[in-house]
Protein backbone atom coordinates (compact mmCIF):
# COMPACT_ATOMS: atom_id res chain seq x y z
CA MET A 1 -19.15 -29.25 50.85
CA SER A 2 -19.77 -29.67 54.57
CA ALA A 3 -19.80 -26.65 56.84
CA TYR A 4 -19.37 -26.39 60.56
CA ALA A 5 -20.67 -24.41 63.49
CA LEU A 6 -17.93 -24.07 66.07
CA ALA A 7 -18.51 -22.79 69.59
CA HIS A 8 -15.88 -21.99 72.20
CA LEU A 9 -17.87 -21.78 75.42
CA ARG A 10 -16.43 -20.61 78.73
CA ARG A 11 -17.06 -22.89 81.67
CA ALA A 12 -19.82 -21.83 84.05
CA PRO A 13 -21.88 -23.51 86.74
CA VAL A 14 -24.61 -25.75 85.36
CA HIS A 15 -27.94 -23.93 85.21
CA ASP A 16 -31.44 -25.35 84.66
CA GLU A 17 -31.85 -23.25 81.51
CA VAL A 18 -28.64 -24.67 80.04
CA LEU A 19 -29.91 -28.18 80.76
CA GLU A 20 -33.17 -27.33 78.99
CA TYR A 21 -31.15 -26.00 76.02
CA LEU A 22 -29.27 -29.30 75.86
CA GLU A 23 -32.51 -31.25 76.00
CA ARG A 24 -33.96 -29.28 73.09
CA ILE A 25 -31.07 -28.58 70.70
CA ASP A 26 -31.07 -31.93 68.88
CA ALA A 27 -34.62 -31.33 67.66
CA THR A 28 -33.48 -28.03 66.09
CA LEU A 29 -30.63 -29.73 64.23
CA ALA A 30 -32.59 -32.61 62.70
CA PRO A 31 -34.50 -30.64 60.02
CA PHE A 32 -31.20 -29.19 58.78
CA GLY A 33 -29.17 -32.40 58.72
CA GLY A 34 -26.99 -31.08 61.53
CA ARG A 35 -25.13 -33.31 63.93
CA PHE A 36 -22.65 -33.03 66.77
CA LEU A 37 -19.05 -33.95 66.00
CA VAL A 38 -17.67 -32.62 69.28
CA HIS A 39 -19.71 -31.73 72.33
CA GLY A 40 -17.71 -30.70 75.37
CA GLY A 41 -15.05 -33.42 75.13
CA THR A 42 -11.69 -33.22 76.85
CA VAL A 43 -9.60 -30.34 75.51
CA GLU A 44 -5.84 -30.86 75.40
CA VAL A 45 -4.24 -27.46 74.83
CA LEU A 46 -1.05 -27.78 72.78
CA GLU A 47 -0.52 -24.10 71.99
CA GLY A 48 -1.98 -20.95 73.47
CA ASP A 49 -4.81 -20.76 75.96
CA TRP A 50 -8.23 -22.38 75.69
CA PRO A 51 -10.41 -21.64 78.72
CA GLY A 52 -13.58 -23.59 78.18
CA ASP A 53 -15.29 -26.21 76.07
CA VAL A 54 -15.58 -26.91 72.35
CA VAL A 55 -18.71 -27.75 70.38
CA ILE A 56 -18.54 -28.62 66.68
CA LEU A 57 -21.66 -29.21 64.61
CA GLU A 58 -21.58 -30.47 61.02
CA PHE A 59 -24.07 -29.40 58.33
CA PRO A 60 -24.39 -30.31 54.65
CA ASP A 61 -23.26 -26.80 53.59
CA LEU A 62 -22.86 -23.22 54.81
CA ALA A 63 -26.31 -22.11 53.66
CA THR A 64 -27.91 -24.90 55.69
CA ALA A 65 -25.81 -24.03 58.76
CA ARG A 66 -26.95 -20.39 58.47
CA ALA A 67 -30.57 -21.51 58.05
CA TRP A 68 -30.33 -23.64 61.22
CA TYR A 69 -28.79 -20.81 63.27
CA GLY A 70 -31.43 -18.35 62.12
CA SER A 71 -34.33 -20.78 62.41
CA PRO A 72 -37.20 -19.91 64.77
CA ALA A 73 -36.67 -23.21 66.62
CA TYR A 74 -33.01 -22.45 67.38
CA GLN A 75 -33.58 -18.76 68.09
CA GLU A 76 -36.21 -19.77 70.65
CA ILE A 77 -33.74 -21.82 72.71
CA LYS A 78 -30.56 -19.78 72.12
CA PRO A 79 -31.19 -17.42 75.08
CA LEU A 80 -31.26 -20.44 77.40
CA ARG A 81 -27.55 -20.80 76.61
CA THR A 82 -26.48 -17.20 76.09
CA ARG A 83 -27.88 -15.98 79.40
CA HIS A 84 -25.53 -18.32 81.25
CA LEU A 85 -22.58 -19.28 79.02
CA ALA A 86 -20.22 -16.73 77.51
CA GLY A 87 -18.54 -17.79 74.33
CA ASP A 88 -17.79 -17.37 70.67
CA VAL A 89 -19.70 -19.05 67.83
CA ILE A 90 -18.68 -19.15 64.17
CA LEU A 91 -19.78 -20.84 60.97
CA VAL A 92 -17.07 -22.05 58.60
CA ASP A 93 -16.86 -23.94 55.32
CA GLY A 94 -15.08 -27.26 55.34
CA VAL A 95 -12.70 -28.41 52.63
CA GLU A 96 -13.28 -30.73 49.71
CA PRO A 97 -12.19 -34.36 50.23
CA ALA A 98 -9.30 -33.83 47.79
CA HIS A 99 -7.99 -30.75 49.63
CA ASP A 100 -4.19 -30.49 49.39
CA SER A 101 -2.37 -27.92 51.50
CA SER A 102 0.66 -27.90 49.19
CA ARG A 103 -1.55 -26.87 46.23
CA MET A 104 -3.06 -24.18 48.44
CA ALA A 105 0.46 -22.94 49.28
CA ALA A 106 1.37 -22.86 45.58
CA ARG A 107 -1.73 -20.73 44.79
CA LEU A 108 -0.86 -18.37 47.65
CA ARG A 109 2.73 -18.07 46.40
CA ARG A 110 1.51 -17.21 42.88
CA ASN A 111 -0.92 -14.61 44.23
CA THR A 112 1.64 -12.91 46.48
CA ALA A 113 4.31 -12.88 43.72
CA ARG A 114 2.22 -10.55 41.55
């Protein structure tokens, strides 16, 4: 099952170190089968407040996403971003292709009825 790294990064002036981070991050993803799905595209806020940009990376599974984040190659470049961009980063499992929200609701109803 695919897993995702999601970053909500606050906007900040462009810095040379952030540009270097961008130049180097793809090489850290390749050994882990990671790829960008979203990288700073236009954000249209429909509910709530979203000050900043979105980055979504896809990995084959959660263990691989964790291995990428903890890898020496990524840890080496991470400070180039974190020194200049505040934000939140999470890893999350995706859903199976046959995911059905109504079945999920039924399971939740059964579990809360006990």
